[in-house]
Amino acid sequence: MRRFLSVLAAMICGAVSGAHAADLPDMPILRGTQGLSTSTVNWQGFYVGVQGGYGSSSEDFNGSNANLLAVVISGSVVQQIPGVAQFNPIFGRQTDRSWGYGVFGGYNSQWDDVVIGLEASYMHGPFGGTSTASGEFVSRAPLSDNLFHNAVVTSSTSMSITDMATFRARAAYAWGCFLPYMFGGFALGNADILRSVVLQDSVSVNQGGPFSLLPPSSALLGAHDHLVVGYTAGLGVDINLVGDLFMRAEWEYVRFATNLLNVTDPHLNTVRAGLGYKF
């Protein structure tokens, strides 16, 4: 069975092996037992690359914006409309998907077909989510200002992780021109978290309108450029193309630990493709 898999790997990587044939005398011999080696590529050394990916981000928006709503309607006749002061949506888990791009780089050490390395990966993209709820409240009788009101209250909470870096330890097995690997490490992210309530009021002298819009009022509570810390784990494969050029396919899971502004358990799942070069 091992001989069959070796032949299969050699067939798949035949073109790559041919491209390397002229260089074989100059390649470092890293294998202790040539007859049992399945790798035709020297993966040892530093490498860098570019990557792009698509993924989902999910987080729990706990708590409510009741305190912000109280600030918005304080001193306003709108609070006389039944139900406005009690508008208090509870936000839950939100999941969104987006694209990202970035770079990676690291170092491999190789013993026979076993490759161990350290790597840093960076991704930039609009990862995060927003949860929004709106309520419309109409006065059935004139309020204390002798006007009818049509008030729309929009309450929202959001989290955006635009920049993310992970630092991993990798363990891989070289098989022909393939290098399947798994990794684990820690992650850093740059997060913006925002909670807001916006009141858009309109008034009329008649119950049925027409209504005239008033300037909106709002209250915001946010944390910008907040550092979040977590861990990462994933799987991938590097495929040698020609010379020291290789392509990559990878899945990464990242989970951050934070409880800022009642936003908890943010995590991301991304799949990526990349192109790298080993020095």
C-alpha atoms as a PDB file:
ATOM      1  CA  MET A   1       0.000   0.000   0.000  1.00  0.00           C
ATOM      2  CA  ARG A   2       2.822   2.394   0.845  1.00  0.00           C
ATOM      3  CA  ARG A   3       4.481   1.668  -2.497  1.00  0.00           C
ATOM      4  CA  PHE A   4       1.187   2.351  -4.307  1.00  0.00           C
ATOM      5  CA  LEU A   5       0.730   5.717  -2.530  1.00  0.00           C
ATOM      6  CA  SER A   6       4.318   6.648  -3.293  1.00  0.00           C
ATOM      7  CA  VAL A   7       3.788   5.938  -6.989  1.00  0.00           C
ATOM      8  CA  LEU A   8       0.521   7.909  -6.957  1.00  0.00           C
ATOM      9  CA  ALA A   9       2.188  10.920  -5.348  1.00  0.00           C
ATOM     10  CA  ALA A  10       5.030  10.730  -7.839  1.00  0.00           C
ATOM     11  CA  MET A  11       2.547  10.734 -10.745  1.00  0.00           C
ATOM     12  CA  ILE A  12       0.661  13.766  -9.404  1.00  0.00           C
ATOM     13  CA  CYS A  13       3.864  15.673  -8.800  1.00  0.00           C
ATOM     14  CA  GLY A  14       5.647  14.424 -11.904  1.00  0.00           C
ATOM     15  CA  ALA A  15       5.818  17.803 -13.545  1.00  0.00           C
ATOM     16  CA  VAL A  16       7.239  19.354 -10.392  1.00  0.00           C
ATOM     17  CA  SER A  17       9.789  16.588  -9.994  1.00  0.00           C
ATOM     18  CA  GLY A  18      10.910  17.103 -13.575  1.00  0.00           C
ATOM     19  CA  ALA A  19      11.356  20.809 -12.976  1.00  0.00           C
ATOM     20  CA  HIS A  20      13.535  20.047  -9.973  1.00  0.00           C
ATOM     21  CA  ALA A  21      15.560  17.218 -11.534  1.00  0.00           C
ATOM     22  CA  ALA A  22      18.384  19.436 -12.720  1.00  0.00           C
ATOM     23  CA  ASP A  23      18.737  20.909  -9.232  1.00  0.00           C
ATOM     24  CA  LEU A  24      18.817  17.670  -7.257  1.00  0.00           C
ATOM     25  CA  PRO A  25      22.619  17.535  -6.819  1.00  0.00           C
ATOM     26  CA  ASP A  26      22.546  20.970  -5.147  1.00  0.00           C
ATOM     27  CA  MET A  27      19.594  20.272  -2.819  1.00  0.00           C
ATOM     28  CA  PRO A  28      20.329  19.595   0.833  1.00  0.00           C
ATOM     29  CA  ILE A  29      19.732  15.935   1.654  1.00  0.00           C
ATOM     30  CA  LEU A  30      17.470  16.020   4.728  1.00  0.00           C
ATOM     31  CA  ARG A  31      16.235  12.444   4.735  1.00  0.00           C
ATOM     32  CA  GLY A  32      17.872   9.742   6.717  1.00  0.00           C
ATOM     33  CA  THR A  33      16.234   6.864   4.825  1.00  0.00           C
ATOM     34  CA  GLN A  34      15.883   7.620   1.111  1.00  0.00           C
ATOM     35  CA  GLY A  35      13.949   4.446   0.337  1.00  0.00           C
ATOM     36  CA  LEU A  36      11.103   5.368   2.703  1.00  0.00           C
ATOM     37  CA  SER A  37      10.892   9.077   1.898  1.00  0.00           C
ATOM     38  CA  THR A  38       7.749  10.258   0.125  1.00  0.00           C
ATOM     39  CA  SER A  39       8.774  13.896  -0.385  1.00  0.00           C
ATOM     40  CA  THR A  40      10.359  15.353  -3.499  1.00  0.00           C
ATOM     41  CA  VAL A  41      10.515  18.912  -2.170  1.00  0.00           C
ATOM     42  CA  ASN A  42      12.805  20.656   0.275  1.00  0.00           C
ATOM     43  CA  TRP A  43      10.504  22.756   2.498  1.00  0.00           C
ATOM     44  CA  GLN A  44      13.170  23.979   4.923  1.00  0.00           C
ATOM     45  CA  GLY A  45      13.732  27.723   5.143  1.00  0.00           C
ATOM     46  CA  PHE A  46      11.999  31.066   5.364  1.00  0.00           C
ATOM     47  CA  TYR A  47       8.952  31.847   3.239  1.00  0.00           C
ATOM     48  CA  VAL A  48       6.484  34.683   2.597  1.00  0.00           C
ATOM     49  CA  GLY A  49       3.218  34.927   0.697  1.00  0.00           C
ATOM     50  CA  VAL A  50      -0.053  36.697  -0.030  1.00  0.00           C
ATOM     51  CA  GLN A  51      -3.534  35.363   0.647  1.00  0.00           C
ATOM     52  CA  GLY A  52      -7.211  36.066   0.170  1.00  0.00           C
ATOM     53  CA  GLY A  53     -10.183  34.464   1.839  1.00  0.00           C
ATOM     54  CA  TYR A  54     -13.876  34.320   2.605  1.00  0.00           C
ATOM     55  CA  GLY A  55     -15.380  33.677   5.986  1.00  0.00           C
ATOM     56  CA  SER A  56     -18.099  34.088   8.556  1.00  0.00           C
ATOM     57  CA  SER A  57     -17.926  36.004  11.803  1.00  0.00           C
ATOM     58  CA  SER A  58     -20.300  35.518  14.716  1.00  0.00           C
ATOM     59  CA  GLU A  59     -20.767  37.203  18.082  1.00  0.00           C
ATOM     60  CA  ASP A  60     -23.298  37.439  20.924  1.00  0.00           C
ATOM     61  CA  PHE A  61     -24.839  40.871  21.447  1.00  0.00           C
ATOM     62  CA  ASN A  62     -25.993  40.572  25.023  1.00  0.00           C
ATOM     63  CA  GLY A  63     -27.798  43.181  27.091  1.00  0.00           C
ATOM     64  CA  SER A  64     -29.885  46.033  25.722  1.00  0.00           C
ATOM     65  CA  ASN A  65     -29.769  49.711  24.817  1.00  0.00           C
ATOM     66  CA  ALA A  66     -32.336  50.795  27.390  1.00  0.00           C
ATOM     67  CA  ASN A  67     -29.949  53.301  28.976  1.00  0.00           C
ATOM     68  CA  LEU A  68     -29.275  54.938  25.596  1.00  0.00           C
ATOM     69  CA  LEU A  69     -32.988  55.159  24.823  1.00  0.00           C
ATOM     70  CA  ALA A  70     -33.571  56.911  28.155  1.00  0.00           C
ATOM     71  CA  VAL A  71     -30.975  59.520  27.185  1.00  0.00           C
ATOM     72  CA  VAL A  72     -32.528  60.085  23.746  1.00  0.00           C
ATOM     73  CA  ILE A  73     -36.109  60.617  24.913  1.00  0.00           C
ATOM     74  CA  SER A  74     -35.218  62.498  28.108  1.00  0.00           C
ATOM     75  CA  GLY A  75     -36.989  65.859  28.090  1.00  0.00           C
ATOM     76  CA  SER A  76     -38.839  65.032  24.851  1.00  0.00           C
ATOM     77  CA  VAL A  77     -42.608  64.938  24.513  1.00  0.00           C
ATOM     78  CA  VAL A  78     -42.148  61.700  22.566  1.00  0.00           C
ATOM     79  CA  GLN A  79     -41.916  59.797  25.841  1.00  0.00           C
ATOM     80  CA  GLN A  80     -45.623  60.586  26.318  1.00  0.00           C
ATOM     81  CA  ILE A  81     -46.458  58.148  23.472  1.00  0.00           C
ATOM     82  CA  PRO A  82     -47.397  54.775  24.985  1.00  0.00           C
ATOM     83  CA  GLY A  83     -44.747  52.121  24.426  1.00  0.00           C
ATOM     84  CA  VAL A  84     -41.811  54.359  23.485  1.00  0.00           C
ATOM     85  CA  ALA A  85     -40.079  54.269  26.864  1.00  0.00           C
ATOM     86  CA  GLN A  86     -40.575  50.494  27.040  1.00  0.00           C
ATOM     87  CA  PHE A  87     -39.014  49.761  23.634  1.00  0.00           C
ATOM     88  CA  ASN A  88     -36.137  47.517  24.653  1.00  0.00           C
ATOM     89  CA  PRO A  89     -35.117  44.878  22.080  1.00  0.00           C
ATOM     90  CA  ILE A  90     -32.786  42.154  23.304  1.00  0.00           C
ATOM     91  CA  PHE A  91     -30.060  41.358  20.788  1.00  0.00           C
ATOM     92  CA  GLY A  92     -28.762  37.839  20.336  1.00  0.00           C
ATOM     93  CA  ARG A  93     -26.180  36.095  18.158  1.00  0.00           C
ATOM     94  CA  GLN A  94     -25.472  37.588  14.766  1.00  0.00           C
ATOM     95  CA  THR A  95     -23.522  35.989  11.895  1.00  0.00           C
ATOM     96  CA  ASP A  96     -22.242  37.765   8.789  1.00  0.00           C
ATOM     97  CA  ARG A  97     -19.952  36.811   5.901  1.00  0.00           C
ATOM     98  CA  SER A  98     -17.296  38.826   4.106  1.00  0.00           C
ATOM     99  CA  TRP A  99     -14.066  38.724   2.087  1.00  0.00           C
ATOM    100  CA  GLY A 100     -10.574  39.564   3.285  1.00  0.00           C
ATOM    101  CA  TYR A 101      -6.969  39.662   2.146  1.00  0.00           C
ATOM    102  CA  GLY A 102      -3.544  39.652   3.734  1.00  0.00           C
ATOM    103  CA  VAL A 103      -0.034  38.206   3.956  1.00  0.00           C
ATOM    104  CA  PHE A 104       1.771  35.397   5.745  1.00  0.00           C
ATOM    105  CA  GLY A 105       5.345  34.398   6.502  1.00  0.00           C
ATOM    106  CA  GLY A 106       7.311  31.914   8.558  1.00  0.00           C
ATOM    107  CA  TYR A 107      10.101  29.381   8.862  1.00  0.00           C
ATOM    108  CA  ASN A 108      10.134  25.599   8.346  1.00  0.00           C
ATOM    109  CA  SER A 109      12.509  23.020   9.810  1.00  0.00           C
ATOM    110  CA  GLN A 110      12.481  19.625   8.110  1.00  0.00           C
ATOM    111  CA  TRP A 111      13.480  16.151   9.333  1.00  0.00           C
ATOM    112  CA  ASP A 112      12.899  13.466   6.751  1.00  0.00           C
ATOM    113  CA  ASP A 113       9.221  13.968   5.834  1.00  0.00           C
ATOM    114  CA  VAL A 114       8.285  15.789   9.063  1.00  0.00           C
ATOM    115  CA  VAL A 115       8.155  19.581   8.878  1.00  0.00           C
ATOM    116  CA  ILE A 116       7.828  21.806  11.972  1.00  0.00           C
ATOM    117  CA  GLY A 117       7.528  25.575  11.730  1.00  0.00           C
ATOM    118  CA  LEU A 118       6.465  28.921  13.117  1.00  0.00           C
ATOM    119  CA  GLU A 119       4.272  31.290  11.144  1.00  0.00           C
ATOM    120  CA  ALA A 120       2.556  34.680  11.354  1.00  0.00           C
ATOM    121  CA  SER A 121      -0.577  35.449   9.325  1.00  0.00           C
ATOM    122  CA  TYR A 122      -2.383  38.772   8.809  1.00  0.00           C
ATOM    123  CA  MET A 123      -5.866  39.365   7.378  1.00  0.00           C
ATOM    124  CA  HIS A 124      -7.706  42.618   6.676  1.00  0.00           C
ATOM    125  CA  GLY A 125     -11.420  42.701   5.994  1.00  0.00           C
ATOM    126  CA  PRO A 126     -14.827  43.877   7.249  1.00  0.00           C
ATOM    127  CA  PHE A 127     -15.387  40.945   9.603  1.00  0.00           C
ATOM    128  CA  GLY A 128     -18.087  41.427  12.209  1.00  0.00           C
ATOM    129  CA  GLY A 129     -21.820  41.885  12.465  1.00  0.00           C
ATOM    130  CA  THR A 130     -24.674  44.250  13.247  1.00  0.00           C
ATOM    131  CA  SER A 131     -28.013  43.624  14.930  1.00  0.00           C
ATOM    132  CA  THR A 132     -30.767  46.237  14.535  1.00  0.00           C
ATOM    133  CA  ALA A 133     -34.362  46.604  15.715  1.00  0.00           C
ATOM    134  CA  SER A 134     -36.835  49.404  14.959  1.00  0.00           C
ATOM    135  CA  GLY A 135     -40.161  50.421  16.384  1.00  0.00           C
ATOM    136  CA  GLU A 136     -42.726  52.950  15.123  1.00  0.00           C
ATOM    137  CA  PHE A 137     -44.942  54.779  17.607  1.00  0.00           C
ATOM    138  CA  VAL A 138     -47.831  57.080  16.665  1.00  0.00           C
ATOM    139  CA  SER A 139     -49.709  59.297  19.069  1.00  0.00           C
ATOM    140  CA  ARG A 140     -53.481  58.869  18.877  1.00  0.00           C
ATOM    141  CA  ALA A 141     -54.069  62.238  20.517  1.00  0.00           C
ATOM    142  CA  PRO A 142     -52.137  65.514  20.568  1.00  0.00           C
ATOM    143  CA  LEU A 143     -49.268  65.542  23.014  1.00  0.00           C
ATOM    144  CA  SER A 144     -48.460  68.364  25.407  1.00  0.00           C
ATOM    145  CA  ASP A 145     -47.163  70.451  22.485  1.00  0.00           C
ATOM    146  CA  ASN A 146     -50.608  70.152  20.798  1.00  0.00           C
ATOM    147  CA  LEU A 147     -49.106  68.165  17.916  1.00  0.00           C
ATOM    148  CA  PHE A 148     -49.470  64.598  16.710  1.00  0.00           C
ATOM    149  CA  HIS A 149     -46.212  62.646  16.610  1.00  0.00           C
ATOM    150  CA  ASN A 150     -44.953  59.745  14.531  1.00  0.00           C
ATOM    151  CA  ALA A 151     -41.729  58.518  16.134  1.00  0.00           C
ATOM    152  CA  VAL A 152     -39.416  55.803  14.802  1.00  0.00           C
ATOM    153  CA  VAL A 153     -36.849  54.427  17.251  1.00  0.00           C
ATOM    154  CA  THR A 154     -33.917  52.438  15.832  1.00  0.00           C
ATOM    155  CA  SER A 155     -31.723  50.540  18.272  1.00  0.00           C
ATOM    156  CA  SER A 156     -28.567  48.766  17.088  1.00  0.00           C
ATOM    157  CA  THR A 157     -25.342  47.160  18.220  1.00  0.00           C
ATOM    158  CA  SER A 158     -22.362  46.194  16.100  1.00  0.00           C
ATOM    159  CA  MET A 159     -18.849  44.793  16.211  1.00  0.00           C
ATOM    160  CA  SER A 160     -16.231  45.077  13.477  1.00  0.00           C
ATOM    161  CA  ILE A 161     -12.846  43.326  13.447  1.00  0.00           C
ATOM    162  CA  THR A 162     -11.010  44.915  10.534  1.00  0.00           C
ATOM    163  CA  ASP A 163      -7.487  43.654  11.255  1.00  0.00           C
ATOM    164  CA  MET A 164      -6.504  40.261  12.592  1.00  0.00           C
ATOM    165  CA  ALA A 165      -3.107  38.621  13.138  1.00  0.00           C
ATOM    166  CA  THR A 166      -2.442  35.054  14.216  1.00  0.00           C
ATOM    167  CA  PHE A 167       0.826  33.508  15.397  1.00  0.00           C
ATOM    168  CA  ARG A 168       0.958  29.745  14.952  1.00  0.00           C
ATOM    169  CA  ALA A 169       3.088  26.692  15.452  1.00  0.00           C
ATOM    170  CA  ARG A 170       2.773  24.298  12.501  1.00  0.00           C
ATOM    171  CA  ALA A 171       3.234  20.533  12.207  1.00  0.00           C
ATOM    172  CA  ALA A 172       3.275  19.072   8.696  1.00  0.00           C
ATOM    173  CA  TYR A 173       4.083  15.951   6.720  1.00  0.00           C
ATOM    174  CA  ALA A 174       5.751  16.210   3.311  1.00  0.00           C
ATOM    175  CA  TRP A 175       4.241  13.935   0.661  1.00  0.00           C
ATOM    176  CA  GLY A 176       5.495  14.442  -2.859  1.00  0.00           C
ATOM    177  CA  CYS A 177       4.788  18.043  -3.745  1.00  0.00           C
ATOM    178  CA  PHE A 178       2.143  18.280  -1.005  1.00  0.00           C
ATOM    179  CA  LEU A 179       2.636  19.567   2.542  1.00  0.00           C
ATOM    180  CA  PRO A 180      -0.553  19.011   4.586  1.00  0.00           C
ATOM    181  CA  TYR A 181      -0.364  20.697   7.982  1.00  0.00           C
ATOM    182  CA  MET A 182      -2.205  21.584  11.141  1.00  0.00           C
ATOM    183  CA  PHE A 183      -1.549  24.551  13.391  1.00  0.00           C
ATOM    184  CA  GLY A 184      -2.478  26.262  16.629  1.00  0.00           C
ATOM    185  CA  GLY A 185      -1.539  29.489  18.369  1.00  0.00           C
ATOM    186  CA  PHE A 186      -2.828  32.834  19.583  1.00  0.00           C
ATOM    187  CA  ALA A 187      -4.626  35.663  17.825  1.00  0.00           C
ATOM    188  CA  LEU A 188      -4.827  39.445  18.078  1.00  0.00           C
ATOM    189  CA  GLY A 189      -7.570  41.619  16.611  1.00  0.00           C
ATOM    190  CA  ASN A 190      -8.468  45.281  16.255  1.00  0.00           C
ATOM    191  CA  ALA A 191     -12.149  45.711  17.102  1.00  0.00           C
ATOM    192  CA  ASP A 192     -14.681  48.539  16.950  1.00  0.00           C
ATOM    193  CA  ILE A 193     -17.820  48.042  19.064  1.00  0.00           C
ATOM    194  CA  LEU A 194     -20.764  50.421  18.883  1.00  0.00           C
ATOM    195  CA  ARG A 195     -24.194  50.652  20.499  1.00  0.00           C
ATOM    196  CA  SER A 196     -26.631  53.317  19.378  1.00  0.00           C
ATOM    197  CA  VAL A 197     -30.228  54.538  19.566  1.00  0.00           C
ATOM    198  CA  VAL A 198     -31.617  56.956  16.976  1.00  0.00           C
ATOM    199  CA  LEU A 199     -34.965  58.743  17.281  1.00  0.00           C
ATOM    200  CA  GLN A 200     -36.540  60.085  14.093  1.00  0.00           C
ATOM    201  CA  ASP A 201     -39.625  62.116  15.010  1.00  0.00           C
ATOM    202  CA  SER A 202     -42.165  63.809  12.760  1.00  0.00           C
ATOM    203  CA  VAL A 203     -45.102  66.027  13.674  1.00  0.00           C
ATOM    204  CA  SER A 204     -48.445  67.131  12.281  1.00  0.00           C
ATOM    205  CA  VAL A 205     -51.342  69.281  13.353  1.00  0.00           C
ATOM    206  CA  ASN A 206     -53.693  66.555  12.093  1.00  0.00           C
ATOM    207  CA  GLN A 207     -53.828  62.947  13.227  1.00  0.00           C
ATOM    208  CA  GLY A 208     -53.640  61.659   9.664  1.00  0.00           C
ATOM    209  CA  GLY A 209     -50.824  63.966   8.574  1.00  0.00           C
ATOM    210  CA  PRO A 210     -49.085  65.144   6.568  1.00  0.00           C
ATOM    211  CA  PHE A 211     -46.123  64.824   8.938  1.00  0.00           C
ATOM    212  CA  SER A 212     -43.029  67.000   8.896  1.00  0.00           C
ATOM    213  CA  LEU A 213     -39.675  65.461   9.840  1.00  0.00           C
ATOM    214  CA  LEU A 214     -37.759  66.895  12.773  1.00  0.00           C
ATOM    215  CA  PRO A 215     -33.971  66.666  13.161  1.00  0.00           C
ATOM    216  CA  PRO A 216     -33.058  63.199  14.474  1.00  0.00           C
ATOM    217  CA  SER A 217     -31.606  62.738  17.938  1.00  0.00           C
ATOM    218  CA  SER A 218     -29.298  59.940  18.980  1.00  0.00           C
ATOM    219  CA  ALA A 219     -27.116  58.484  21.695  1.00  0.00           C
ATOM    220  CA  LEU A 220     -23.943  56.469  21.053  1.00  0.00           C
ATOM    221  CA  LEU A 221     -21.699  54.289  23.164  1.00  0.00           C
ATOM    222  CA  GLY A 222     -18.590  52.869  21.535  1.00  0.00           C
ATOM    223  CA  ALA A 223     -15.108  51.467  21.885  1.00  0.00           C
ATOM    224  CA  HIS A 224     -12.744  52.078  18.965  1.00  0.00           C
ATOM    225  CA  ASP A 225      -9.443  50.364  18.148  1.00  0.00           C
ATOM    226  CA  HIS A 226      -9.938  47.943  21.014  1.00  0.00           C
ATOM    227  CA  LEU A 227      -7.404  45.101  21.221  1.00  0.00           C
ATOM    228  CA  VAL A 228      -8.995  41.658  21.493  1.00  0.00           C
ATOM    229  CA  VAL A 229      -6.994  38.511  22.238  1.00  0.00           C
ATOM    230  CA  GLY A 230      -7.824  34.886  21.532  1.00  0.00           C
ATOM    231  CA  TYR A 231      -6.616  31.639  20.039  1.00  0.00           C
ATOM    232  CA  THR A 232      -6.457  30.054  16.583  1.00  0.00           C
ATOM    233  CA  ALA A 233      -6.451  26.544  15.134  1.00  0.00           C
ATOM    234  CA  GLY A 234      -6.790  25.114  11.668  1.00  0.00           C
ATOM    235  CA  LEU A 235      -5.739  22.882   8.799  1.00  0.00           C
ATOM    236  CA  GLY A 236      -4.192  23.493   5.415  1.00  0.00           C
ATOM    237  CA  VAL A 237      -1.995  22.236   2.610  1.00  0.00           C
ATOM    238  CA  ASP A 238       0.888  23.819   0.727  1.00  0.00           C
ATOM    239  CA  ILE A 239       1.487  22.586  -2.820  1.00  0.00           C
ATOM    240  CA  ASN A 240       4.828  23.116  -4.514  1.00  0.00           C
ATOM    241  CA  LEU A 241       4.350  24.466  -8.050  1.00  0.00           C
ATOM    242  CA  VAL A 242       7.784  25.051  -9.527  1.00  0.00           C
ATOM    243  CA  GLY A 243      11.121  25.901  -7.977  1.00  0.00           C
ATOM    244  CA  ASP A 244      10.430  27.542  -4.611  1.00  0.00           C
ATOM    245  CA  LEU A 245       6.949  28.797  -5.564  1.00  0.00           C
ATOM    246  CA  PHE A 246       4.000  27.190  -3.804  1.00  0.00           C
ATOM    247  CA  MET A 247       0.258  27.681  -3.457  1.00  0.00           C
ATOM    248  CA  ARG A 248      -1.838  27.227  -0.332  1.00  0.00           C
ATOM    249  CA  ALA A 249      -5.364  26.247   0.715  1.00  0.00           C
ATOM    250  CA  GLU A 250      -6.312  26.723   4.372  1.00  0.00           C
ATOM    251  CA  TRP A 251      -9.116  26.774   6.913  1.00  0.00           C
ATOM    252  CA  GLU A 252      -8.685  28.794  10.116  1.00  0.00           C
ATOM    253  CA  TYR A 253     -10.826  29.149  13.228  1.00  0.00           C
ATOM    254  CA  VAL A 254     -10.266  32.133  15.529  1.00  0.00           C
ATOM    255  CA  ARG A 255     -12.025  32.822  18.819  1.00  0.00           C
ATOM    256  CA  PHE A 256     -11.569  36.028  20.804  1.00  0.00           C
ATOM    257  CA  ALA A 257     -12.204  36.585  24.512  1.00  0.00           C
ATOM    258  CA  THR A 258     -13.953  39.873  25.261  1.00  0.00           C
ATOM    259  CA  ASN A 259     -16.931  41.205  27.189  1.00  0.00           C
ATOM    260  CA  LEU A 260     -16.751  44.835  26.162  1.00  0.00           C
ATOM    261  CA  LEU A 261     -20.123  46.627  25.985  1.00  0.00           C
ATOM    262  CA  ASN A 262     -21.847  43.256  26.515  1.00  0.00           C
ATOM    263  CA  VAL A 263     -20.463  41.794  23.288  1.00  0.00           C
ATOM    264  CA  THR A 264     -19.148  38.278  23.924  1.00  0.00           C
ATOM    265  CA  ASP A 265     -17.835  35.198  22.153  1.00  0.00           C
ATOM    266  CA  PRO A 266     -16.725  36.673  18.809  1.00  0.00           C
ATOM    267  CA  HIS A 267     -15.298  34.015  16.532  1.00  0.00           C
ATOM    268  CA  LEU A 268     -14.396  33.682  12.857  1.00  0.00           C
ATOM    269  CA  ASN A 269     -14.185  30.826  10.389  1.00  0.00           C
ATOM    270  CA  THR A 270     -12.289  31.577   7.173  1.00  0.00           C
ATOM    271  CA  VAL A 271     -11.178  29.592   4.145  1.00  0.00           C
ATOM    272  CA  ARG A 272      -8.220  30.977   2.212  1.00  0.00           C
ATOM    273  CA  ALA A 273      -6.106  30.560  -0.860  1.00  0.00           C
ATOM    274  CA  GLY A 274      -2.566  31.902  -1.073  1.00  0.00           C
ATOM    275  CA  LEU A 275       0.600  32.049  -3.103  1.00  0.00           C
ATOM    276  CA  GLY A 276       4.013  31.884  -1.417  1.00  0.00           C
ATOM    277  CA  TYR A 277       7.731  31.748  -2.092  1.00  0.00           C
ATOM    278  CA  LYS A 278      10.388  29.914  -0.047  1.00  0.00           C
ATOM    279  CA  PHE A 279      13.870  31.376   0.196  1.00  0.00           C
END
